[in-house]
Amino acid sequence: MEAKSVAILLAVYNPPLDWFGELLDSLDAQTYENLHIYIRDDASASPSPSDLEAFLAEHLLRVSYTFLRNAVNMGSNATFATLVEDAREDLVAFCDQDDIWLPDKIARSVKLLEESPLSPVLVCSEVAVIDADGHALTPLISAHRKRHVFLRGTGLAPALLHRNFALGCTMLLSRERALTYLPFPEGIIHDHYLAYRAACDGAIDYLPEPTMRYRVYGGNQTGVMQGVRTKRDYYEKRILVFDRRLTEFSRYADFPELIEARRWGDARRDNFERRKGAFRRLRSLRHVNRATTLFELYALRFPRPLFRLAVRLIQKRLL
């Protein structure tokens, strides 16, 4: 029986060519044979389309690929959703422009998807973490991010309400299933949305050994407290974003944890606005998400310089 075909979906926007070249070389070195790469440029300002095409031709020598370009900038969610539609293969794997894949990444992921006793809807994996210069930071992301706990099995949707353990750049699932998850909603990073939808539909499994080197740097879209400098930033990027995510996630499942999460979300907003009784109400719900609750109960009352210092410490400690 012929091995299932895999589409690697690569969204590109103003790629730093040194990092991008390392990624492409690692994709070209994949040991899995039945591969095709779809590269969709999200209307980059640089390099030009012709220069980018030439760069691809220099680095992708073994694996076939298709180069596509958005007419206007659409953002990563819409670009990845369009790539799912572009693909024609059996399985889809999502890819960022600045990481380095290990040669057997796809082979091991396909094997897990097909042979796991869980019959998973989606599989993902651990990653090793490198810095902007490619130097190793930690051999396992879960060893450095204390709250990054990988899970496997069914019934994982409640655990995914608050945080996502499945990095999009390690995900593999059937294209047929991915098509049913379109469109990817605005305001929710696509990997968190995909993991939640998969958990609502069945099991998730993961490889405990890294399949790639995950690059962490100042511009990472999903860095901890990314873009937070002020208390208002925190409110918009952490509290309101959670509310939007909860509203979207509520469309696909109904379980007791959702009710409690809504109460917690209401208490967070009231606490930020310093409404009467909000501190006590949020404190009574701290079991929903202890670390976040304690931060908001106290840090949101710090003077601005002290609040900013607290945010910086979290960013540095948690990548």
C-alpha atoms as a PDB file:
ATOM      1  CA  MET A   1       0.000   0.000   0.000  1.00  0.00           C
ATOM      2  CA  GLU A   2       1.339   3.398  -0.972  1.00  0.00           C
ATOM      3  CA  ALA A   3       2.185   5.712   1.902  1.00  0.00           C
ATOM      4  CA  LYS A   4      -0.306   8.500   2.482  1.00  0.00           C
ATOM      5  CA  SER A   5       0.567  11.759   0.814  1.00  0.00           C
ATOM      6  CA  VAL A   6       1.437  14.720   3.038  1.00  0.00           C
ATOM      7  CA  ALA A   7       1.118  18.432   2.265  1.00  0.00           C
ATOM      8  CA  ILE A   8       3.413  20.744   4.210  1.00  0.00           C
ATOM      9  CA  LEU A   9       1.604  24.077   4.515  1.00  0.00           C
ATOM     10  CA  LEU A  10       4.108  26.923   4.804  1.00  0.00           C
ATOM     11  CA  ALA A  11       2.852  30.471   5.409  1.00  0.00           C
ATOM     12  CA  VAL A  12       5.470  33.131   4.640  1.00  0.00           C
ATOM     13  CA  TYR A  13       5.630  36.840   5.438  1.00  0.00           C
ATOM     14  CA  ASN A  14       8.783  38.956   5.073  1.00  0.00           C
ATOM     15  CA  PRO A  15      10.970  35.922   5.893  1.00  0.00           C
ATOM     16  CA  PRO A  16      14.507  36.529   7.224  1.00  0.00           C
ATOM     17  CA  LEU A  17      16.402  34.675   4.546  1.00  0.00           C
ATOM     18  CA  ASP A  18      19.064  33.124   6.781  1.00  0.00           C
ATOM     19  CA  TRP A  19      16.427  31.467   8.976  1.00  0.00           C
ATOM     20  CA  PHE A  20      14.201  30.714   6.005  1.00  0.00           C
ATOM     21  CA  GLY A  21      17.048  28.970   4.202  1.00  0.00           C
ATOM     22  CA  GLU A  22      17.668  26.741   7.221  1.00  0.00           C
ATOM     23  CA  LEU A  23      14.000  25.806   7.324  1.00  0.00           C
ATOM     24  CA  LEU A  24      13.817  25.002   3.610  1.00  0.00           C
ATOM     25  CA  ASP A  25      16.954  22.853   3.805  1.00  0.00           C
ATOM     26  CA  SER A  26      15.382  20.906   6.662  1.00  0.00           C
ATOM     27  CA  LEU A  27      12.157  20.396   4.690  1.00  0.00           C
ATOM     28  CA  ASP A  28      14.131  19.196   1.696  1.00  0.00           C
ATOM     29  CA  ALA A  29      15.922  16.678   3.926  1.00  0.00           C
ATOM     30  CA  GLN A  30      12.735  14.955   5.157  1.00  0.00           C
ATOM     31  CA  THR A  31      13.001  11.186   4.992  1.00  0.00           C
ATOM     32  CA  TYR A  32       9.295  10.751   4.196  1.00  0.00           C
ATOM     33  CA  GLU A  33       8.979  10.418   0.446  1.00  0.00           C
ATOM     34  CA  ASN A  34       5.357  11.199  -0.434  1.00  0.00           C
ATOM     35  CA  LEU A  35       5.539  14.946   0.238  1.00  0.00           C
ATOM     36  CA  HIS A  36       4.547  18.199  -1.429  1.00  0.00           C
ATOM     37  CA  ILE A  37       5.145  21.666  -0.018  1.00  0.00           C
ATOM     38  CA  TYR A  38       2.698  24.539  -0.514  1.00  0.00           C
ATOM     39  CA  ILE A  39       4.316  27.914   0.126  1.00  0.00           C
ATOM     40  CA  ARG A  40       1.928  30.869   0.304  1.00  0.00           C
ATOM     41  CA  ASP A  41       3.459  34.338   0.595  1.00  0.00           C
ATOM     42  CA  ASP A  42       1.204  36.748   2.495  1.00  0.00           C
ATOM     43  CA  ALA A  43       2.004  39.775   0.275  1.00  0.00           C
ATOM     44  CA  SER A  44       5.503  40.271   1.673  1.00  0.00           C
ATOM     45  CA  ALA A  45       7.265  43.564   1.087  1.00  0.00           C
ATOM     46  CA  SER A  46      10.608  41.778   0.899  1.00  0.00           C
ATOM     47  CA  PRO A  47      11.908  39.717  -0.753  1.00  0.00           C
ATOM     48  CA  SER A  48      10.133  40.271  -4.048  1.00  0.00           C
ATOM     49  CA  PRO A  49       8.093  37.383  -5.487  1.00  0.00           C
ATOM     50  CA  SER A  50      10.735  36.688  -8.120  1.00  0.00           C
ATOM     51  CA  ASP A  51      13.549  36.725  -5.561  1.00  0.00           C
ATOM     52  CA  LEU A  52      11.550  34.465  -3.270  1.00  0.00           C
ATOM     53  CA  GLU A  53      10.898  32.014  -6.096  1.00  0.00           C
ATOM     54  CA  ALA A  54      14.608  31.945  -6.906  1.00  0.00           C
ATOM     55  CA  PHE A  55      15.416  31.354  -3.240  1.00  0.00           C
ATOM     56  CA  LEU A  56      13.003  28.433  -3.084  1.00  0.00           C
ATOM     57  CA  ALA A  57      14.573  26.895  -6.173  1.00  0.00           C
ATOM     58  CA  GLU A  58      18.013  27.101  -4.559  1.00  0.00           C
ATOM     59  CA  HIS A  59      16.945  25.243  -1.418  1.00  0.00           C
ATOM     60  CA  LEU A  60      14.173  22.843  -2.414  1.00  0.00           C
ATOM     61  CA  LEU A  61      16.002  20.388  -4.636  1.00  0.00           C
ATOM     62  CA  ARG A  62      14.350  17.060  -3.734  1.00  0.00           C
ATOM     63  CA  VAL A  63      10.821  17.795  -2.537  1.00  0.00           C
ATOM     64  CA  SER A  64       8.238  19.118  -5.002  1.00  0.00           C
ATOM     65  CA  TYR A  65       6.557  22.393  -4.141  1.00  0.00           C
ATOM     66  CA  THR A  66       4.008  24.966  -5.270  1.00  0.00           C
ATOM     67  CA  PHE A  67       4.587  28.691  -4.733  1.00  0.00           C
ATOM     68  CA  LEU A  68       1.507  30.893  -4.259  1.00  0.00           C
ATOM     69  CA  ARG A  69       0.992  34.514  -3.239  1.00  0.00           C
ATOM     70  CA  ASN A  70      -1.820  36.453  -1.590  1.00  0.00           C
ATOM     71  CA  ALA A  71      -2.878  39.583  -3.488  1.00  0.00           C
ATOM     72  CA  VAL A  72      -3.160  41.449  -0.171  1.00  0.00           C
ATOM     73  CA  ASN A  73      -1.938  40.754   3.336  1.00  0.00           C
ATOM     74  CA  MET A  74      -4.435  38.384   4.995  1.00  0.00           C
ATOM     75  CA  GLY A  75      -2.687  37.430   8.234  1.00  0.00           C
ATOM     76  CA  SER A  76      -1.472  34.016   9.315  1.00  0.00           C
ATOM     77  CA  ASN A  77      -4.855  32.472  10.166  1.00  0.00           C
ATOM     78  CA  ALA A  78      -6.426  33.242   6.790  1.00  0.00           C
ATOM     79  CA  THR A  79      -3.232  32.263   4.960  1.00  0.00           C
ATOM     80  CA  PHE A  80      -3.072  28.870   6.659  1.00  0.00           C
ATOM     81  CA  ALA A  81      -6.787  28.334   6.008  1.00  0.00           C
ATOM     82  CA  THR A  82      -6.243  29.070   2.326  1.00  0.00           C
ATOM     83  CA  LEU A  83      -3.329  26.629   2.282  1.00  0.00           C
ATOM     84  CA  VAL A  84      -5.624  23.872   3.583  1.00  0.00           C
ATOM     85  CA  GLU A  85      -7.828  24.565   0.560  1.00  0.00           C
ATOM     86  CA  ASP A  86      -4.799  24.659  -1.761  1.00  0.00           C
ATOM     87  CA  ALA A  87      -3.598  21.212  -0.726  1.00  0.00           C
ATOM     88  CA  ARG A  88      -4.680  17.988  -2.425  1.00  0.00           C
ATOM     89  CA  GLU A  89      -2.824  15.451  -0.299  1.00  0.00           C
ATOM     90  CA  ASP A  90      -4.224  13.045   2.317  1.00  0.00           C
ATOM     91  CA  LEU A  91      -2.639  14.717   5.349  1.00  0.00           C
ATOM     92  CA  VAL A  92      -1.629  18.280   6.188  1.00  0.00           C
ATOM     93  CA  ALA A  93       1.256  19.515   8.347  1.00  0.00           C
ATOM     94  CA  PHE A  94       1.563  23.180   9.297  1.00  0.00           C
ATOM     95  CA  CYS A  95       4.895  24.944   9.050  1.00  0.00           C
ATOM     96  CA  ASP A  96       6.325  28.266  10.268  1.00  0.00           C
ATOM     97  CA  GLN A  97       9.053  30.116   8.387  1.00  0.00           C
ATOM     98  CA  ASP A  98      11.729  30.309  11.081  1.00  0.00           C
ATOM     99  CA  ASP A  99      12.144  26.829  12.600  1.00  0.00           C
ATOM    100  CA  ILE A 100      14.304  23.823  11.722  1.00  0.00           C
ATOM    101  CA  TRP A 101      12.703  20.406  11.222  1.00  0.00           C
ATOM    102  CA  LEU A 102      14.481  17.188  12.096  1.00  0.00           C
ATOM    103  CA  PRO A 103      14.774  14.826   9.100  1.00  0.00           C
ATOM    104  CA  ASP A 104      12.276  12.251  10.380  1.00  0.00           C
ATOM    105  CA  LYS A 105       9.658  14.744  11.607  1.00  0.00           C
ATOM    106  CA  ILE A 106       6.990  13.842   9.052  1.00  0.00           C
ATOM    107  CA  ALA A 107       7.795  10.113   9.064  1.00  0.00           C
ATOM    108  CA  ARG A 108       7.422   9.843  12.842  1.00  0.00           C
ATOM    109  CA  SER A 109       4.268  11.959  12.886  1.00  0.00           C
ATOM    110  CA  VAL A 110       2.572   9.896  10.179  1.00  0.00           C
ATOM    111  CA  LYS A 111       3.504   6.699  11.996  1.00  0.00           C
ATOM    112  CA  LEU A 112       1.932   7.987  15.213  1.00  0.00           C
ATOM    113  CA  LEU A 113      -1.232   9.172  13.457  1.00  0.00           C
ATOM    114  CA  GLU A 114      -1.684   5.782  11.780  1.00  0.00           C
ATOM    115  CA  GLU A 115      -0.528   3.424  14.527  1.00  0.00           C
ATOM    116  CA  SER A 116      -1.421   5.068  17.842  1.00  0.00           C
ATOM    117  CA  PRO A 117      -3.907   2.919  19.798  1.00  0.00           C
ATOM    118  CA  LEU A 118      -5.840   6.134  20.468  1.00  0.00           C
ATOM    119  CA  SER A 119      -6.748   6.496  16.762  1.00  0.00           C
ATOM    120  CA  PRO A 120      -6.064  10.227  17.134  1.00  0.00           C
ATOM    121  CA  VAL A 121      -7.699  12.993  15.138  1.00  0.00           C
ATOM    122  CA  LEU A 122      -4.532  15.071  15.456  1.00  0.00           C
ATOM    123  CA  VAL A 123      -0.939  14.452  16.513  1.00  0.00           C
ATOM    124  CA  CYS A 124       1.750  16.879  17.619  1.00  0.00           C
ATOM    125  CA  SER A 125       5.138  16.660  19.318  1.00  0.00           C
ATOM    126  CA  GLU A 126       7.674  18.050  21.719  1.00  0.00           C
ATOM    127  CA  VAL A 127      10.230  20.531  20.391  1.00  0.00           C
ATOM    128  CA  ALA A 128      13.746  21.560  21.243  1.00  0.00           C
ATOM    129  CA  VAL A 129      14.091  25.326  21.682  1.00  0.00           C
ATOM    130  CA  ILE A 130      16.741  27.524  20.080  1.00  0.00           C
ATOM    131  CA  ASP A 131      17.355  31.266  20.205  1.00  0.00           C
ATOM    132  CA  ALA A 132      17.583  33.744  17.346  1.00  0.00           C
ATOM    133  CA  ASP A 133      21.172  32.695  16.656  1.00  0.00           C
ATOM    134  CA  GLY A 134      20.336  28.990  16.619  1.00  0.00           C
ATOM    135  CA  HIS A 135      21.885  28.261  20.007  1.00  0.00           C
ATOM    136  CA  ALA A 136      20.154  25.635  22.132  1.00  0.00           C
ATOM    137  CA  LEU A 137      18.033  26.974  24.987  1.00  0.00           C
ATOM    138  CA  THR A 138      16.412  23.765  26.194  1.00  0.00           C
ATOM    139  CA  PRO A 139      16.076  20.228  24.797  1.00  0.00           C
ATOM    140  CA  LEU A 140      12.336  20.141  25.657  1.00  0.00           C
ATOM    141  CA  ILE A 141       9.936  23.059  25.702  1.00  0.00           C
ATOM    142  CA  SER A 142       7.959  21.446  28.525  1.00  0.00           C
ATOM    143  CA  ALA A 143      11.084  21.414  30.687  1.00  0.00           C
ATOM    144  CA  HIS A 144      11.391  25.189  30.403  1.00  0.00           C
ATOM    145  CA  ARG A 145       7.771  26.313  30.271  1.00  0.00           C
ATOM    146  CA  LYS A 146       6.398  24.888  33.486  1.00  0.00           C
ATOM    147  CA  ARG A 147       2.797  25.322  32.347  1.00  0.00           C
ATOM    148  CA  HIS A 148       3.407  23.663  28.970  1.00  0.00           C
ATOM    149  CA  VAL A 149       2.161  20.168  29.760  1.00  0.00           C
ATOM    150  CA  PHE A 150       1.564  17.780  26.870  1.00  0.00           C
ATOM    151  CA  LEU A 151      -1.590  15.677  27.073  1.00  0.00           C
ATOM    152  CA  ARG A 152      -2.890  12.672  25.185  1.00  0.00           C
ATOM    153  CA  GLY A 153      -6.221  10.913  25.001  1.00  0.00           C
ATOM    154  CA  THR A 154      -9.853  11.848  24.647  1.00  0.00           C
ATOM    155  CA  GLY A 155     -11.856  14.454  26.547  1.00  0.00           C
ATOM    156  CA  LEU A 156      -9.109  17.082  26.409  1.00  0.00           C
ATOM    157  CA  ALA A 157     -11.350  20.003  25.402  1.00  0.00           C
ATOM    158  CA  PRO A 158     -11.750  21.371  28.971  1.00  0.00           C
ATOM    159  CA  ALA A 159      -7.969  21.470  29.422  1.00  0.00           C
ATOM    160  CA  LEU A 160      -7.654  23.449  26.177  1.00  0.00           C
ATOM    161  CA  LEU A 161      -9.970  26.249  27.277  1.00  0.00           C
ATOM    162  CA  HIS A 162      -7.159  28.096  29.018  1.00  0.00           C
ATOM    163  CA  ARG A 163      -3.969  27.135  27.240  1.00  0.00           C
ATOM    164  CA  ASN A 164      -2.763  25.151  24.264  1.00  0.00           C
ATOM    165  CA  PHE A 165      -0.051  22.510  24.414  1.00  0.00           C
ATOM    166  CA  ALA A 166      -0.089  21.569  20.695  1.00  0.00           C
ATOM    167  CA  LEU A 167       2.233  23.798  18.666  1.00  0.00           C
ATOM    168  CA  GLY A 168       0.870  24.330  15.174  1.00  0.00           C
ATOM    169  CA  CYS A 169       4.259  23.718  13.589  1.00  0.00           C
ATOM    170  CA  THR A 170       4.170  20.133  14.938  1.00  0.00           C
ATOM    171  CA  MET A 171       0.567  19.291  14.016  1.00  0.00           C
ATOM    172  CA  LEU A 172      -0.479  16.611  11.547  1.00  0.00           C
ATOM    173  CA  LEU A 173      -4.064  15.666  10.679  1.00  0.00           C
ATOM    174  CA  SER A 174      -6.118  14.624   7.685  1.00  0.00           C
ATOM    175  CA  ARG A 175      -6.869  17.314   5.110  1.00  0.00           C
ATOM    176  CA  GLU A 176     -10.477  16.122   5.019  1.00  0.00           C
ATOM    177  CA  ARG A 177     -10.800  16.828   8.734  1.00  0.00           C
ATOM    178  CA  ALA A 178      -8.984  20.159   8.474  1.00  0.00           C
ATOM    179  CA  LEU A 179     -11.408  21.301   5.775  1.00  0.00           C
ATOM    180  CA  THR A 180     -14.308  20.825   8.200  1.00  0.00           C
ATOM    181  CA  TYR A 181     -12.606  23.244  10.616  1.00  0.00           C
ATOM    182  CA  LEU A 182     -12.543  26.129   8.125  1.00  0.00           C
ATOM    183  CA  PRO A 183     -12.630  29.068   8.361  1.00  0.00           C
ATOM    184  CA  PHE A 184     -10.137  29.676  11.136  1.00  0.00           C
ATOM    185  CA  PRO A 185     -11.688  32.346  13.380  1.00  0.00           C
ATOM    186  CA  GLU A 186     -10.110  35.768  13.728  1.00  0.00           C
ATOM    187  CA  GLY A 187      -8.504  36.552  17.038  1.00  0.00           C
ATOM    188  CA  ILE A 188      -7.663  32.936  17.955  1.00  0.00           C
ATOM    189  CA  ILE A 189      -4.292  31.521  16.931  1.00  0.00           C
ATOM    190  CA  HIS A 190      -4.990  28.700  14.482  1.00  0.00           C
ATOM    191  CA  ASP A 191      -3.103  26.024  16.422  1.00  0.00           C
ATOM    192  CA  HIS A 192      -5.152  26.552  19.583  1.00  0.00           C
ATOM    193  CA  TYR A 193      -8.358  26.450  17.564  1.00  0.00           C
ATOM    194  CA  LEU A 194      -7.304  23.279  15.722  1.00  0.00           C
ATOM    195  CA  ALA A 195      -6.308  21.508  18.920  1.00  0.00           C
ATOM    196  CA  TYR A 196      -9.630  22.351  20.549  1.00  0.00           C
ATOM    197  CA  ARG A 197     -11.693  21.244  17.539  1.00  0.00           C
ATOM    198  CA  ALA A 198      -9.734  17.993  17.362  1.00  0.00           C
ATOM    199  CA  ALA A 199     -10.252  17.400  21.092  1.00  0.00           C
ATOM    200  CA  CYS A 200     -13.999  17.889  20.624  1.00  0.00           C
ATOM    201  CA  ASP A 201     -13.966  15.301  17.828  1.00  0.00           C
ATOM    202  CA  GLY A 202     -11.775  12.614  19.380  1.00  0.00           C
ATOM    203  CA  ALA A 203      -8.289  11.906  20.669  1.00  0.00           C
ATOM    204  CA  ILE A 204      -4.999  13.791  20.457  1.00  0.00           C
ATOM    205  CA  ASP A 205      -1.643  12.053  20.736  1.00  0.00           C
ATOM    206  CA  TYR A 206       1.896  13.408  20.804  1.00  0.00           C
ATOM    207  CA  LEU A 207       5.508  12.379  20.379  1.00  0.00           C
ATOM    208  CA  PRO A 208       7.460  13.004  23.608  1.00  0.00           C
ATOM    209  CA  GLU A 209      10.726  13.425  21.715  1.00  0.00           C
ATOM    210  CA  PRO A 210      11.367  16.623  19.727  1.00  0.00           C
ATOM    211  CA  THR A 211      10.710  16.583  15.993  1.00  0.00           C
ATOM    212  CA  MET A 212      12.076  20.069  15.357  1.00  0.00           C
ATOM    213  CA  ARG A 213      14.065  23.014  16.689  1.00  0.00           C
ATOM    214  CA  TYR A 214      11.611  25.763  17.619  1.00  0.00           C
ATOM    215  CA  ARG A 215      13.102  29.242  17.321  1.00  0.00           C
ATOM    216  CA  VAL A 216      12.203  31.742  20.050  1.00  0.00           C
ATOM    217  CA  TYR A 217      12.895  35.435  19.576  1.00  0.00           C
ATOM    218  CA  GLY A 218      11.391  38.860  20.227  1.00  0.00           C
ATOM    219  CA  GLY A 219       8.985  38.796  17.301  1.00  0.00           C
ATOM    220  CA  ASN A 220       7.367  35.434  17.983  1.00  0.00           C
ATOM    221  CA  GLN A 221       3.633  35.719  17.485  1.00  0.00           C
ATOM    222  CA  THR A 222       2.812  33.430  20.397  1.00  0.00           C
ATOM    223  CA  GLY A 223       5.412  34.566  22.934  1.00  0.00           C
ATOM    224  CA  VAL A 224       4.200  34.740  26.527  1.00  0.00           C
ATOM    225  CA  MET A 225       2.648  38.173  27.223  1.00  0.00           C
ATOM    226  CA  GLN A 226       3.474  39.125  23.633  1.00  0.00           C
ATOM    227  CA  GLY A 227       2.675  42.794  23.024  1.00  0.00           C
ATOM    228  CA  VAL A 228       1.794  43.525  26.670  1.00  0.00           C
ATOM    229  CA  ARG A 229       3.316  46.705  28.068  1.00  0.00           C
ATOM    230  CA  THR A 230       0.467  48.358  29.920  1.00  0.00           C
ATOM    231  CA  LYS A 231      -2.513  47.197  31.959  1.00  0.00           C
ATOM    232  CA  ARG A 232      -4.789  48.159  29.072  1.00  0.00           C
ATOM    233  CA  ASP A 233      -2.689  45.972  26.764  1.00  0.00           C
ATOM    234  CA  TYR A 234      -3.144  43.125  29.214  1.00  0.00           C
ATOM    235  CA  TYR A 235      -6.892  43.639  29.313  1.00  0.00           C
ATOM    236  CA  GLU A 236      -7.219  43.616  25.527  1.00  0.00           C
ATOM    237  CA  LYS A 237      -4.727  40.828  24.761  1.00  0.00           C
ATOM    238  CA  ARG A 238      -5.369  38.479  27.672  1.00  0.00           C
ATOM    239  CA  ILE A 239      -8.802  39.091  29.171  1.00  0.00           C
ATOM    240  CA  LEU A 240     -10.820  40.081  26.101  1.00  0.00           C
ATOM    241  CA  VAL A 241      -9.031  37.517  23.904  1.00  0.00           C
ATOM    242  CA  PHE A 242     -10.028  34.795  26.367  1.00  0.00           C
ATOM    243  CA  ASP A 243     -13.643  35.968  26.172  1.00  0.00           C
ATOM    244  CA  ARG A 244     -13.610  35.769  22.374  1.00  0.00           C
ATOM    245  CA  ARG A 245     -11.996  32.332  22.482  1.00  0.00           C
ATOM    246  CA  LEU A 246     -14.588  31.090  24.961  1.00  0.00           C
ATOM    247  CA  THR A 247     -17.420  32.377  22.790  1.00  0.00           C
ATOM    248  CA  GLU A 248     -15.986  30.586  19.751  1.00  0.00           C
ATOM    249  CA  PHE A 249     -15.211  27.361  21.603  1.00  0.00           C
ATOM    250  CA  SER A 250     -18.716  27.239  23.075  1.00  0.00           C
ATOM    251  CA  ARG A 251     -20.058  26.651  19.560  1.00  0.00           C
ATOM    252  CA  TYR A 252     -18.547  23.164  19.352  1.00  0.00           C
ATOM    253  CA  ALA A 253     -19.108  21.543  22.732  1.00  0.00           C
ATOM    254  CA  ASP A 254     -20.981  21.888  25.998  1.00  0.00           C
ATOM    255  CA  PHE A 255     -19.464  20.729  29.299  1.00  0.00           C
ATOM    256  CA  PRO A 256     -19.494  21.964  32.921  1.00  0.00           C
ATOM    257  CA  GLU A 257     -16.065  23.587  32.732  1.00  0.00           C
ATOM    258  CA  LEU A 258     -17.419  26.033  30.140  1.00  0.00           C
ATOM    259  CA  ILE A 259     -19.952  27.414  32.622  1.00  0.00           C
ATOM    260  CA  GLU A 260     -17.284  27.951  35.253  1.00  0.00           C
ATOM    261  CA  ALA A 261     -14.916  29.468  32.681  1.00  0.00           C
ATOM    262  CA  ARG A 262     -17.608  31.999  31.738  1.00  0.00           C
ATOM    263  CA  ARG A 263     -18.049  32.956  35.397  1.00  0.00           C
ATOM    264  CA  TRP A 264     -14.283  33.314  35.735  1.00  0.00           C
ATOM    265  CA  GLY A 265     -14.122  35.465  32.594  1.00  0.00           C
ATOM    266  CA  ASP A 266     -16.878  37.751  33.912  1.00  0.00           C
ATOM    267  CA  ALA A 267     -15.035  38.099  37.228  1.00  0.00           C
ATOM    268  CA  ARG A 268     -11.781  38.969  35.429  1.00  0.00           C
ATOM    269  CA  ARG A 269     -13.414  41.834  33.542  1.00  0.00           C
ATOM    270  CA  ASP A 270     -15.090  43.139  36.689  1.00  0.00           C
ATOM    271  CA  ASN A 271     -11.834  42.902  38.620  1.00  0.00           C
ATOM    272  CA  PHE A 272     -10.008  44.908  35.964  1.00  0.00           C
ATOM    273  CA  GLU A 273     -12.691  47.597  36.178  1.00  0.00           C
ATOM    274  CA  ARG A 274     -12.464  47.527  40.014  1.00  0.00           C
ATOM    275  CA  ARG A 275     -16.157  46.812  40.401  1.00  0.00           C
ATOM    276  CA  LYS A 276     -17.550  46.196  43.857  1.00  0.00           C
ATOM    277  CA  GLY A 277     -17.108  42.626  45.044  1.00  0.00           C
ATOM    278  CA  ALA A 278     -15.064  41.611  41.980  1.00  0.00           C
ATOM    279  CA  PHE A 279     -11.842  40.920  43.908  1.00  0.00           C
ATOM    280  CA  ARG A 280     -13.598  38.494  46.243  1.00  0.00           C
ATOM    281  CA  ARG A 281     -15.516  36.861  43.391  1.00  0.00           C
ATOM    282  CA  LEU A 282     -12.390  36.328  41.273  1.00  0.00           C
ATOM    283  CA  ARG A 283     -10.493  35.019  44.282  1.00  0.00           C
ATOM    284  CA  SER A 284     -13.229  32.445  44.906  1.00  0.00           C
ATOM    285  CA  LEU A 285     -12.715  31.170  41.344  1.00  0.00           C
ATOM    286  CA  ARG A 286      -8.919  30.940  41.527  1.00  0.00           C
ATOM    287  CA  HIS A 287      -9.076  27.145  41.132  1.00  0.00           C
ATOM    288  CA  VAL A 288     -10.138  27.679  37.494  1.00  0.00           C
ATOM    289  CA  ASN A 289      -6.694  29.070  36.629  1.00  0.00           C
ATOM    290  CA  ARG A 290      -4.634  29.727  39.726  1.00  0.00           C
ATOM    291  CA  ALA A 291      -1.552  31.423  38.254  1.00  0.00           C
ATOM    292  CA  THR A 292      -3.493  33.829  36.042  1.00  0.00           C
ATOM    293  CA  THR A 293      -5.979  34.634  38.806  1.00  0.00           C
ATOM    294  CA  LEU A 294      -3.284  35.483  41.346  1.00  0.00           C
ATOM    295  CA  PHE A 295      -1.463  37.646  38.819  1.00  0.00           C
ATOM    296  CA  GLU A 296      -4.609  39.616  38.043  1.00  0.00           C
ATOM    297  CA  LEU A 297      -5.707  39.977  41.659  1.00  0.00           C
ATOM    298  CA  TYR A 298      -2.442  41.617  42.643  1.00  0.00           C
ATOM    299  CA  ALA A 299      -0.334  42.681  39.656  1.00  0.00           C
ATOM    300  CA  LEU A 300      -3.195  44.646  38.095  1.00  0.00           C
ATOM    301  CA  ARG A 301      -3.149  46.763  41.265  1.00  0.00           C
ATOM    302  CA  PHE A 302       0.595  47.414  41.095  1.00  0.00           C
ATOM    303  CA  PRO A 303       1.869  50.869  40.071  1.00  0.00           C
ATOM    304  CA  ARG A 304       2.570  50.956  36.343  1.00  0.00           C
ATOM    305  CA  PRO A 305       6.392  50.581  36.573  1.00  0.00           C
ATOM    306  CA  LEU A 306       6.056  47.593  38.896  1.00  0.00           C
ATOM    307  CA  PHE A 307       3.422  46.014  36.651  1.00  0.00           C
ATOM    308  CA  ARG A 308       5.714  46.390  33.651  1.00  0.00           C
ATOM    309  CA  LEU A 309       8.567  44.778  35.597  1.00  0.00           C
ATOM    310  CA  ALA A 310       6.336  41.820  36.491  1.00  0.00           C
ATOM    311  CA  VAL A 311       5.423  41.345  32.825  1.00  0.00           C
ATOM    312  CA  ARG A 312       9.075  41.455  31.775  1.00  0.00           C
ATOM    313  CA  LEU A 313      10.018  38.828  34.340  1.00  0.00           C
ATOM    314  CA  ILE A 314       7.282  36.524  33.051  1.00  0.00           C
ATOM    315  CA  GLN A 315       8.376  37.043  29.446  1.00  0.00           C
ATOM    316  CA  LYS A 316      12.012  36.251  30.214  1.00  0.00           C
ATOM    317  CA  ARG A 317      11.317  33.279  32.437  1.00  0.00           C
ATOM    318  CA  LEU A 318       8.716  31.587  30.245  1.00  0.00           C
ATOM    319  CA  LEU A 319      10.213  32.299  26.796  1.00  0.00           C
END
